[in-house]
């Protein structure tokens, strides 16, 4: 479902295999311009159809001069559209326009001091004469040729930034999109605002208005939409946006799997019962899910059985809703990119994306995905604009299979209750310390082992709880949170004293990679 205003001119980010390509798009959107990630070999004809505000060429892992390295059509540089090349993108444009790229005498990886040559250059407006930038390159432009003007240098890179004399091309050898370049966001903003004359019309308020118009047009005046609520922020914001557009014609189905966090069912009911006029149906499926998991300990088998059971429960409820012809999913822009679902996007499929299994085809529903153009941070801002409570908008990610993947070993009602109580205590301590937003994700894990302890002068042999907290921007990599020792001590003491059956708490200090964020 396309929800972007056709009149809005996008910034096209050409993907050359950069690790940070999604981050580039997010930074552009933070400057109130709509960014779309597209294939590096997009044709000039398609670019004209999209009528972009600008093109940004991403970095990439290859050398522009090696056989098989990705290239864009050279015509893109002569279409009159402002172009910004970043790292590989700068080298590619320089080579296409008469410059020479080769391996650098001294490779640069990490922070470097950069000197701006012309403080009056619009690209560097407001940037100090000397600033820190983040480099990550083994090649560099050795000879830009007479048509280029150097704009910045480092001790080992004579052309750290450049512009073309007659074409609207600008290049940066460093990465402005990463937080390690302190003035990077300002430099991107200067490119968009001062060079591209960005109208700054990408806002959540405008997105809501456009979305409502197009949802009403797509669904019509009588059809109903079924939206599956998981308790997570994506499905909650999806439902709230649909409710703003369609009111009681939206039927939210929340399946209580018995694998939820403490208070999850009540929190969802309160958030939607008082803040939207959508219909909310809560289905109690705990017994069915526990029966399906009986005796299962293998992680992948748990996920398969939970997925099949969810489809059965959701299908039974959805078929009872008269007039429902649409199924809504909280698909986000990274899901679309990584599954190859973007028509102009990168060709490689990183993962297959399914929010609700095969339900649309099985039930004959038409799929509607009103968040498919948004990143996670934008979804949170949208949720606040729609009036959802902070507690729902800022809650930490929760896996689709629920506590079953954090209950290592056999999943039973008593073990789930132990885990649920421990998890609630940990999250409460984080909120009390006001660290819950600093931490990207935090949770407890019940291990399938027991340990010896001493409680009340008696020997115990009881369960072990592991607690985990990570900090990350994109969840592709993550580092363990350096939580205060007194917070960890309070958490451990409370869990051991309050949760019957636990006599030991450990803290997970594994980064991703080599570990994963979840344990299963």
Protein backbone atom coordinates (compact mmCIF):
# COMPACT_ATOMS: atom_id res chain seq x y z
CA UNK A 1 0.00 0.00 0.00
CA UNK A 2 1.59 3.29 -1.12
CA UNK A 3 1.03 6.06 1.39
CA UNK A 4 3.48 8.68 0.19
CA UNK A 5 2.08 11.86 -1.29
CA UNK A 6 2.81 11.68 -5.04
CA UNK A 7 3.70 15.37 -4.92
CA UNK A 8 6.41 14.77 -2.29
CA UNK A 9 9.85 14.69 -3.92
CA UNK A 10 11.96 11.94 -2.35
CA UNK A 11 15.67 11.85 -1.69
CA UNK A 12 16.85 8.66 -3.38
CA UNK A 13 19.62 6.82 -1.53
CA UNK A 14 21.45 4.55 -3.98
CA UNK A 15 22.63 1.43 -2.16
CA UNK A 16 26.12 0.19 -3.05
CA UNK A 17 26.19 -2.37 -0.24
CA UNK A 18 26.87 0.05 2.60
CA UNK A 19 26.58 -1.08 6.19
CA UNK A 20 25.00 2.27 7.02
CA UNK A 21 22.57 2.73 4.12
CA UNK A 22 19.47 2.64 6.33
CA UNK A 23 21.13 5.07 8.71
CA UNK A 24 21.67 7.52 5.83
CA UNK A 25 17.94 7.40 5.05
CA UNK A 26 17.03 7.89 8.71
CA UNK A 27 19.32 10.92 9.00
CA UNK A 28 17.76 12.46 5.90
CA UNK A 29 14.28 11.98 7.35
CA UNK A 30 15.39 13.62 10.58
CA UNK A 31 15.91 16.74 8.42
CA UNK A 32 12.25 16.49 7.30
CA UNK A 33 12.91 15.12 3.81
CA UNK A 34 11.48 11.78 2.70
CA UNK A 35 14.27 9.31 1.88
CA UNK A 36 13.82 6.13 -0.12
CA UNK A 37 16.52 3.46 -0.57
CA UNK A 38 16.85 2.30 -4.18
CA UNK A 39 19.02 0.01 -6.28
CA UNK A 40 22.44 1.32 -7.26
CA UNK A 41 21.67 0.57 -10.92
CA UNK A 42 18.36 2.45 -11.04
CA UNK A 43 17.82 3.81 -14.54
CA UNK A 44 17.79 7.53 -15.42
CA UNK A 45 14.27 7.01 -16.80
CA UNK A 46 13.02 5.71 -13.46
CA UNK A 47 14.76 8.54 -11.63
CA UNK A 48 12.92 11.06 -13.82
CA UNK A 49 9.62 9.35 -12.98
CA UNK A 50 10.32 9.63 -9.25
CA UNK A 51 11.30 13.30 -9.65
CA UNK A 52 13.69 13.30 -6.67
CA UNK A 53 14.82 16.25 -4.64
CA UNK A 54 18.34 14.78 -4.57
CA UNK A 55 20.41 11.64 -4.96
CA UNK A 56 22.74 10.30 -2.28
CA UNK A 57 25.27 7.62 -3.23
CA UNK A 58 26.06 5.38 -0.26
CA UNK A 59 29.36 3.88 0.76
CA UNK A 60 30.23 0.29 -0.05
CA UNK A 61 32.77 -2.47 0.66
CA UNK A 62 34.27 -2.71 -2.86
CA UNK A 63 36.89 -0.72 -4.77
CA UNK A 64 35.44 1.24 -7.67
CA UNK A 65 38.22 0.06 -10.01
CA UNK A 66 37.93 -3.68 -9.34
CA UNK A 67 36.07 -5.96 -11.79
CA UNK A 68 32.41 -6.41 -10.95
CA UNK A 69 32.22 -3.47 -8.55
CA UNK A 70 28.77 -1.85 -8.53
CA UNK A 71 28.35 1.31 -10.58
CA UNK A 72 25.48 3.66 -11.28
CA UNK A 73 24.54 5.08 -14.67
CA UNK A 74 26.90 8.06 -15.32
CA UNK A 75 23.96 9.98 -16.80
CA UNK A 76 22.67 10.51 -13.25
CA UNK A 77 25.39 13.11 -12.66
CA UNK A 78 24.24 15.20 -15.64
CA UNK A 79 20.50 15.34 -15.00
CA UNK A 80 20.63 18.58 -13.02
CA UNK A 81 19.71 16.78 -9.79
CA UNK A 82 21.90 17.55 -6.75
CA UNK A 83 24.04 14.52 -5.86
CA UNK A 84 25.95 13.78 -2.67
CA UNK A 85 28.48 10.95 -2.76
CA UNK A 86 29.56 9.37 0.53
CA UNK A 87 32.87 7.43 0.67
CA UNK A 88 32.50 4.85 -2.15
CA UNK A 89 29.81 7.10 -3.65
CA UNK A 90 32.25 10.02 -3.82
CA UNK A 91 34.95 7.86 -5.40
CA UNK A 92 32.49 6.47 -7.95
CA UNK A 93 31.39 9.93 -9.06
CA UNK A 94 34.94 11.26 -9.16
CA UNK A 95 36.03 8.38 -11.40
CA UNK A 96 32.98 8.83 -13.67
CA UNK A 97 33.67 12.56 -14.01
CA UNK A 98 37.39 12.42 -14.80
CA UNK A 99 39.08 11.86 -11.43
CA UNK A 100 41.44 9.08 -10.39
CA UNK A 101 40.82 6.66 -7.51
CA UNK A 102 43.44 4.30 -6.09
CA UNK A 103 44.50 2.61 -2.88
CA UNK A 104 45.50 5.15 -0.25
CA UNK A 105 49.10 5.26 1.05
CA UNK A 106 47.64 5.37 4.57
CA UNK A 107 44.23 3.82 5.10
CA UNK A 108 41.87 5.61 7.48
CA UNK A 109 39.53 3.77 9.84
CA UNK A 110 38.00 5.63 12.76
CA UNK A 111 38.07 9.22 13.90
CA UNK A 112 40.16 11.78 12.02
CA UNK A 113 40.62 15.53 12.33
CA UNK A 114 39.22 17.25 9.26
CA UNK A 115 40.05 20.81 8.16
CA UNK A 116 37.41 22.77 6.23
CA UNK A 117 39.12 24.82 3.49
CA UNK A 118 36.35 27.34 2.77
CA UNK A 119 34.09 28.35 5.69
CA UNK A 120 31.74 30.11 3.24
CA UNK A 121 30.97 26.87 1.39
CA UNK A 122 27.21 26.14 1.88
CA UNK A 123 27.88 22.44 2.54
CA UNK A 124 29.92 23.34 5.63
CA UNK A 125 27.87 26.28 6.91
CA UNK A 126 28.15 26.37 10.71
CA UNK A 127 30.80 23.62 10.84
CA UNK A 128 34.01 24.52 12.73
CA UNK A 129 37.19 25.10 10.74
CA UNK A 130 38.59 21.93 12.35
CA UNK A 131 36.23 19.10 13.22
CA UNK A 132 36.24 15.35 13.87
CA UNK A 133 34.90 13.00 11.20
CA UNK A 134 34.54 9.22 10.93
CA UNK A 135 36.60 7.59 8.18
CA UNK A 136 36.33 4.03 6.88
CA UNK A 137 38.23 3.63 3.63
CA UNK A 138 41.26 2.04 2.02
CA UNK A 139 40.87 3.88 -1.31
CA UNK A 140 40.65 7.59 -1.92
CA UNK A 141 40.50 10.15 -4.73
CA UNK A 142 44.16 10.86 -5.53
CA UNK A 143 43.53 13.22 -8.43
CA UNK A 144 40.14 14.89 -8.73
CA UNK A 145 41.00 16.59 -12.02
CA UNK A 146 40.45 20.22 -13.00
CA UNK A 147 36.64 20.07 -12.74
CA UNK A 148 36.61 19.47 -8.97
CA UNK A 149 37.24 21.83 -6.06
CA UNK A 150 38.57 20.33 -2.79
CA UNK A 151 36.53 21.47 0.22
CA UNK A 152 38.23 19.68 3.14
CA UNK A 153 41.36 17.70 3.98
CA UNK A 154 42.73 15.41 6.70
CA UNK A 155 46.37 14.65 7.52
CA UNK A 156 46.35 11.63 5.18
CA UNK A 157 43.48 12.43 2.81
CA UNK A 158 44.06 15.47 0.56
CA UNK A 159 40.48 15.37 -0.75
CA UNK A 160 38.19 14.65 2.23
CA UNK A 161 35.35 16.63 0.62
CA UNK A 162 34.87 17.95 -2.88
CA UNK A 163 32.44 19.68 -5.25
CA UNK A 164 32.18 19.83 -9.02
CA UNK A 165 32.69 23.22 -10.68
CA UNK A 166 29.71 23.04 -13.03
CA UNK A 167 27.56 20.08 -11.97
CA UNK A 168 25.55 19.92 -8.71
CA UNK A 169 27.75 17.16 -7.28
CA UNK A 170 29.28 17.11 -3.78
CA UNK A 171 31.37 14.35 -2.25
CA UNK A 172 32.43 13.37 1.27
CA UNK A 173 35.15 10.81 1.92
CA UNK A 174 33.96 10.52 5.53
CA UNK A 175 30.62 9.28 6.88
CA UNK A 176 28.29 12.12 7.98
CA UNK A 177 25.48 9.69 8.90
CA UNK A 178 27.21 8.14 11.94
CA UNK A 179 27.17 9.72 15.39
CA UNK A 180 31.00 9.60 15.46
CA UNK A 181 30.94 12.58 13.04
CA UNK A 182 29.63 15.27 15.44
CA UNK A 183 28.62 17.73 12.72
CA UNK A 184 27.52 15.08 10.24
CA UNK A 185 23.82 15.76 10.67
CA UNK A 186 24.43 19.48 10.09
CA UNK A 187 26.40 18.74 6.91
CA UNK A 188 23.57 16.55 5.59
CA UNK A 189 21.11 19.28 6.57
CA UNK A 190 23.17 21.87 4.69
CA UNK A 191 23.11 19.70 1.59
CA UNK A 192 19.35 19.27 1.80
CA UNK A 193 18.35 22.78 2.89
CA UNK A 194 20.96 25.07 1.33
CA UNK A 195 21.76 23.17 -1.84
CA UNK A 196 18.59 21.17 -2.60
CA UNK A 197 16.11 23.75 -1.15
CA UNK A 198 14.35 21.09 0.91
CA UNK A 199 10.68 22.06 1.55
CA UNK A 200 10.88 20.18 4.91
CA UNK A 201 7.46 18.57 4.43
CA UNK A 202 8.24 15.13 5.86
CA UNK A 203 6.55 15.31 9.28
CA UNK A 204 4.43 12.88 11.26
CA UNK A 205 1.51 15.32 11.20
CA UNK A 206 1.58 15.43 7.41
CA UNK A 207 2.02 11.66 7.27
CA UNK A 208 -1.12 11.15 9.37
CA UNK A 209 -3.19 13.39 7.09
CA UNK A 210 -1.99 11.67 3.91
CA UNK A 211 -2.39 8.21 5.43
CA UNK A 212 -5.96 8.80 6.55
CA UNK A 213 -6.95 10.01 3.10
CA UNK A 214 -5.43 7.01 1.37
CA UNK A 215 -6.66 4.43 3.90
CA UNK A 216 -10.24 5.68 3.48
CA UNK A 217 -9.86 5.63 -0.30
CA UNK A 218 -8.47 2.07 -0.25
CA UNK A 219 -10.89 0.51 2.25
CA UNK A 220 -14.02 2.33 1.13
CA UNK A 221 -17.04 3.37 3.17
CA UNK A 222 -18.28 0.04 4.51
CA UNK A 223 -15.54 -2.62 4.64
CA UNK A 224 -13.92 -3.56 7.95
CA UNK A 225 -10.23 -4.08 8.74
CA UNK A 226 -8.85 -6.74 11.06
CA UNK A 227 -5.67 -5.78 12.89
CA UNK A 228 -3.72 -8.23 15.01
CA UNK A 229 -2.35 -6.68 18.20
CA UNK A 230 0.77 -8.22 19.71
CA UNK A 231 1.35 -5.77 22.54
CA UNK A 232 4.35 -4.31 20.67
CA UNK A 233 4.66 -0.75 19.43
CA UNK A 234 4.37 -1.52 15.68
CA UNK A 235 1.00 -3.24 15.81
CA UNK A 236 -0.28 -0.72 18.37
CA UNK A 237 0.59 2.29 16.20
CA UNK A 238 -0.78 0.54 13.11
CA UNK A 239 -4.09 -0.04 14.89
CA UNK A 240 -4.23 3.51 16.25
CA UNK A 241 -3.66 5.02 12.78
CA UNK A 242 -6.35 2.80 11.25
CA UNK A 243 -8.73 3.70 14.08
CA UNK A 244 -8.14 7.41 13.42
CA UNK A 245 -9.11 6.82 9.78
CA UNK A 246 -11.93 4.27 10.12
CA UNK A 247 -13.12 4.31 13.73
CA UNK A 248 -15.21 1.30 14.80
CA UNK A 249 -14.74 -0.36 11.41
CA UNK A 250 -11.33 -1.45 12.74
CA UNK A 251 -11.43 -4.69 14.74
CA UNK A 252 -8.31 -5.26 16.83
CA UNK A 253 -7.71 -8.88 17.75
CA UNK A 254 -5.40 -9.45 20.70
CA UNK A 255 -4.51 -13.09 21.28
CA UNK A 256 -3.52 -13.82 24.87
CA UNK A 257 -1.12 -16.68 24.27
CA UNK A 258 -0.26 -17.13 27.93
CA UNK A 259 3.30 -16.23 26.89
CA UNK A 260 2.99 -12.50 27.58
CA UNK A 261 4.84 -10.23 29.98
CA UNK A 262 3.26 -9.25 33.28
CA UNK A 263 0.31 -6.88 32.82
CA UNK A 264 0.47 -7.05 29.01
CA UNK A 265 -3.17 -7.96 28.46
CA UNK A 266 -4.45 -5.22 30.77
CA UNK A 267 -2.10 -2.59 29.30
CA UNK A 268 -3.31 -3.25 25.74
CA UNK A 269 -6.96 -3.19 26.80
CA UNK A 270 -6.50 0.13 28.63
CA UNK A 271 -4.53 1.73 25.80
CA UNK A 272 -7.15 0.94 23.18
CA UNK A 273 -10.27 0.94 25.29
CA UNK A 274 -9.91 4.57 26.33
CA UNK A 275 -7.90 6.10 23.49
CA UNK A 276 -9.48 4.79 20.28
CA UNK A 277 -12.96 3.94 19.09
CA UNK A 278 -11.80 0.73 17.42
CA UNK A 279 -13.39 -2.53 18.47
CA UNK A 280 -11.09 -4.66 20.62
CA UNK A 281 -11.48 -8.44 20.87
CA UNK A 282 -9.33 -10.34 23.36
CA UNK A 283 -8.99 -14.05 22.66
CA UNK A 284 -7.83 -16.28 25.50
CA UNK A 285 -5.68 -18.95 23.87
CA UNK A 286 -3.29 -19.78 26.73
CA UNK A 287 -4.40 -23.41 27.09
CA UNK A 288 -4.02 -24.08 23.35
CA UNK A 289 -0.51 -22.64 23.25
CA UNK A 290 0.67 -24.48 26.34
CA UNK A 291 -0.75 -27.72 24.95
CA UNK A 292 1.10 -27.16 21.68
CA UNK A 293 4.36 -26.59 23.59
CA UNK A 294 4.01 -29.58 25.88
CA UNK A 295 7.34 -31.41 26.11
CA UNK A 296 9.05 -29.18 23.48
CA UNK A 297 12.51 -27.83 24.35
CA UNK A 298 14.10 -27.16 20.93
CA UNK A 299 13.93 -23.38 20.16
CA UNK A 300 13.00 -23.59 16.49
CA UNK A 301 10.31 -26.17 17.16
CA UNK A 302 8.84 -23.83 19.78
CA UNK A 303 8.62 -21.05 17.21
CA UNK A 304 7.03 -23.30 14.59
CA UNK A 305 4.37 -24.59 16.97
CA UNK A 306 3.58 -21.12 18.32
CA UNK A 307 3.28 -19.78 14.77
CA UNK A 308 0.90 -22.52 13.68
CA UNK A 309 -1.21 -22.18 16.81
CA UNK A 310 -1.41 -18.42 16.42
CA UNK A 311 -2.64 -18.78 12.86
CA UNK A 312 -5.34 -21.22 13.98
CA UNK A 313 -6.54 -19.01 16.84
CA UNK A 314 -6.41 -15.79 14.83
CA UNK A 315 -8.10 -17.42 11.82
CA UNK A 316 -11.01 -18.66 13.94
CA UNK A 317 -11.61 -15.18 15.34
CA UNK A 318 -11.10 -13.31 12.06
CA UNK A 319 -13.63 -15.47 10.22
CA UNK A 320 -16.29 -14.45 12.73
CA UNK A 321 -15.97 -10.75 11.85
CA UNK A 322 -18.66 -9.80 9.36
CA UNK A 323 -17.70 -7.41 6.57
CA UNK A 324 -13.94 -7.76 7.11
CA UNK A 325 -12.05 -7.78 3.82
CA UNK A 326 -8.69 -6.29 4.88
CA UNK A 327 -5.97 -7.52 7.20
CA UNK A 328 -3.59 -4.90 8.62
CA UNK A 329 0.05 -5.57 9.49
CA UNK A 330 2.62 -3.39 11.22
CA UNK A 331 5.25 -3.92 8.52
CA UNK A 332 8.05 -1.32 8.69
CA UNK A 333 10.38 0.07 6.02
CA UNK A 334 13.40 -2.08 7.06
CA UNK A 335 11.15 -5.17 6.71
CA UNK A 336 10.23 -4.09 3.19
CA UNK A 337 13.86 -3.45 2.20
CA UNK A 338 15.23 -6.65 3.74
CA UNK A 339 12.54 -8.86 2.21
CA UNK A 340 13.01 -7.44 -1.28
CA UNK A 341 9.52 -5.93 -1.21
CA UNK A 342 10.52 -2.48 -2.47
CA UNK A 343 10.10 -2.31 -6.29
CA UNK A 344 13.12 -0.01 -6.73
CA UNK A 345 14.99 -1.33 -3.70
CA UNK A 346 18.11 -3.49 -3.44
CA UNK A 347 17.66 -6.87 -5.11
CA UNK A 348 19.17 -9.10 -2.44
CA UNK A 349 16.66 -10.68 -0.06
CA UNK A 350 18.06 -10.70 3.47
CA UNK A 351 15.06 -12.30 5.14
CA UNK A 352 11.52 -13.37 4.42
CA UNK A 353 9.08 -11.17 6.27
CA UNK A 354 5.85 -12.57 7.67
CA UNK A 355 3.94 -10.78 10.41
CA UNK A 356 0.90 -13.05 10.44
CA UNK A 357 2.01 -16.17 8.58
CA UNK A 358 -0.09 -16.92 5.51
CA UNK A 359 -3.31 -15.41 6.81
CA UNK A 360 -4.05 -12.85 4.06
CA UNK A 361 -4.08 -15.51 1.32
CA UNK A 362 -5.74 -18.16 3.47
CA UNK A 363 -8.63 -15.92 4.50
CA UNK A 364 -9.00 -14.09 1.20
CA UNK A 365 -8.10 -10.78 2.87
CA UNK A 366 -6.46 -7.86 1.12
CA UNK A 367 -3.31 -6.73 2.90
CA UNK A 368 -2.92 -3.20 4.20
CA UNK A 369 0.40 -1.99 5.66
CA UNK A 370 0.12 1.68 6.65
CA UNK A 371 3.56 1.84 8.31
CA UNK A 372 5.58 0.28 5.50
CA UNK A 373 7.38 3.57 4.74
CA UNK A 374 8.50 4.25 8.32
CA UNK A 375 11.53 3.44 10.43
CA UNK A 376 11.14 2.37 14.06
CA UNK A 377 11.95 5.80 15.50
CA UNK A 378 9.34 7.36 13.20
CA UNK A 379 6.75 4.80 14.35
CA UNK A 380 7.35 5.85 17.95
CA UNK A 381 6.90 9.54 17.07
CA UNK A 382 3.75 8.66 15.14
CA UNK A 383 2.40 6.78 18.15
CA UNK A 384 2.87 9.84 20.36
CA UNK A 385 1.16 12.04 17.74
CA UNK A 386 -1.78 9.61 17.77
CA UNK A 387 -2.09 9.89 21.54
CA UNK A 388 -0.82 6.49 22.60
CA UNK A 389 0.68 6.40 26.11
CA UNK A 390 4.45 6.62 26.60
CA UNK A 391 4.41 3.25 28.34
CA UNK A 392 3.20 1.61 25.12
CA UNK A 393 5.18 3.68 22.63
CA UNK A 394 8.52 3.25 24.39
CA UNK A 395 8.19 -0.35 25.50
CA UNK A 396 11.09 -2.59 24.65
CA UNK A 397 10.88 -5.04 21.72
CA UNK A 398 9.25 -8.34 22.57
CA UNK A 399 9.65 -11.50 20.43
CA UNK A 400 6.64 -12.80 18.56
CA UNK A 401 6.76 -16.19 20.34
CA UNK A 402 6.73 -14.32 23.64
CA UNK A 403 8.26 -15.68 26.84
CA UNK A 404 8.56 -19.14 25.29
CA UNK A 405 11.93 -18.15 23.77
CA UNK A 406 13.11 -16.73 27.10
CA UNK A 407 11.99 -19.80 29.03
CA UNK A 408 14.84 -22.10 28.05
CA UNK A 409 13.96 -25.73 28.18
CA UNK A 410 10.40 -26.92 28.77
CA UNK A 411 7.63 -24.32 28.76
CA UNK A 412 5.11 -24.83 31.57
CA UNK A 413 2.70 -22.52 33.36
CA UNK A 414 4.72 -22.56 36.65
CA UNK A 415 8.03 -21.84 34.87
CA UNK A 416 6.43 -19.03 32.87
CA UNK A 417 5.14 -17.44 36.07
CA UNK A 418 8.63 -17.52 37.61
CA UNK A 419 10.05 -15.84 34.49
CA UNK A 420 7.19 -13.32 34.29
CA UNK A 421 7.73 -12.15 37.88
CA UNK A 422 11.51 -11.86 37.50
CA UNK A 423 11.17 -9.96 34.23
CA UNK A 424 8.69 -7.50 35.78
CA UNK A 425 11.05 -6.77 38.67
CA UNK A 426 13.99 -6.08 36.34
CA UNK A 427 11.98 -3.74 34.10
CA UNK A 428 10.55 -1.93 37.13
CA UNK A 429 14.05 -1.32 38.52
CA UNK A 430 15.14 0.10 35.16
CA UNK A 431 12.16 2.47 35.10
CA UNK A 432 12.78 3.55 38.69
CA UNK A 433 16.40 4.35 37.79
CA UNK A 434 15.18 6.16 34.63
CA UNK A 435 17.38 3.97 32.47
CA UNK A 436 14.61 2.21 30.53
CA UNK A 437 14.99 4.52 27.51
CA UNK A 438 18.78 4.46 27.59
CA UNK A 439 18.57 0.69 27.26
CA UNK A 440 17.24 -0.49 23.90
CA UNK A 441 16.06 -3.87 25.14
CA UNK A 442 16.05 -5.56 28.54
CA UNK A 443 14.56 -8.78 29.81
CA UNK A 444 14.98 -11.82 32.05
CA UNK A 445 15.70 -15.40 30.95
CA UNK A 446 14.86 -18.54 32.91
CA UNK A 447 17.66 -21.07 32.47
CA UNK A 448 17.06 -24.84 32.28
CA UNK A 449 19.50 -25.47 35.13
CA UNK A 450 19.47 -25.33 38.90
CA UNK A 451 22.16 -24.25 41.31
CA UNK A 452 22.96 -24.78 44.96
CA UNK A 453 22.26 -21.94 47.35
CA UNK A 454 21.75 -21.17 51.04
CA UNK A 455 18.56 -19.47 52.15
CA UNK A 456 17.51 -19.24 55.80
CA UNK A 457 20.41 -21.48 56.86
CA UNK A 458 19.04 -24.22 54.60
CA UNK A 459 20.51 -25.67 51.43
CA UNK A 460 18.54 -24.91 48.29
CA UNK A 461 18.70 -26.29 44.77
CA UNK A 462 16.67 -23.95 42.62
CA UNK A 463 16.44 -22.08 39.31
CA UNK A 464 18.79 -19.50 37.80
CA UNK A 465 17.60 -16.24 36.22
CA UNK A 466 19.79 -14.41 33.70
CA UNK A 467 19.09 -10.73 33.06
CA UNK A 468 20.10 -9.00 29.83
CA UNK A 469 20.21 -5.34 28.76
CA UNK A 470 21.64 -4.04 25.48
CA UNK A 471 22.22 -0.71 23.78
CA UNK A 472 21.91 -0.42 20.00
CA UNK A 473 20.73 1.86 17.21
CA UNK A 474 19.72 -0.71 14.64
CA UNK A 475 19.56 -4.09 16.48
CA UNK A 476 21.91 -5.53 13.83
CA UNK A 477 24.76 -5.05 16.30
CA UNK A 478 24.45 -4.40 20.03
CA UNK A 479 26.58 -3.92 23.10
CA UNK A 480 25.70 -4.97 26.63
CA UNK A 481 24.61 -2.13 28.89
CA UNK A 482 26.97 -1.06 31.66
CA UNK A 483 24.22 -0.83 34.26
CA UNK A 484 25.08 0.57 37.72
CA UNK A 485 26.16 -2.11 40.16
CA UNK A 486 23.67 -0.96 42.79
CA UNK A 487 20.80 -1.41 40.29
CA UNK A 488 21.98 -4.93 39.50
CA UNK A 489 22.28 -5.67 43.22
CA UNK A 490 18.74 -4.42 43.94
CA UNK A 491 17.37 -6.43 41.03
CA UNK A 492 19.10 -9.61 42.17
CA UNK A 493 18.00 -9.19 45.78
CA UNK A 494 14.39 -8.51 44.85
CA UNK A 495 14.17 -11.46 42.46
CA UNK A 496 15.67 -13.92 44.92
CA UNK A 497 13.55 -12.64 47.81
CA UNK A 498 10.29 -12.30 45.87
CA UNK A 499 10.26 -15.02 43.22
CA UNK A 500 9.78 -18.45 44.71
CA UNK A 501 12.04 -21.05 43.16
CA UNK A 502 14.98 -18.76 42.23
CA UNK A 503 18.21 -18.65 44.21
CA UNK A 504 20.69 -17.15 41.73
CA UNK A 505 20.73 -14.20 39.30
CA UNK A 506 23.43 -13.65 36.64
CA UNK A 507 24.01 -10.73 34.24
CA UNK A 508 24.72 -11.37 30.53
CA UNK A 509 27.70 -9.32 29.28
CA UNK A 510 27.78 -10.69 25.71
CA UNK A 511 27.73 -8.29 22.76
CA UNK A 512 26.14 -8.95 19.36
CA UNK A 513 28.09 -10.37 17.60
CA UNK A 514 29.20 -12.91 18.68
CA UNK A 515 25.99 -13.51 20.64
CA UNK A 516 22.43 -12.67 19.70
CA UNK A 517 20.21 -10.34 21.71
CA UNK A 518 17.70 -13.06 22.56
CA UNK A 519 18.98 -16.35 23.99
CA UNK A 520 16.90 -18.57 21.69
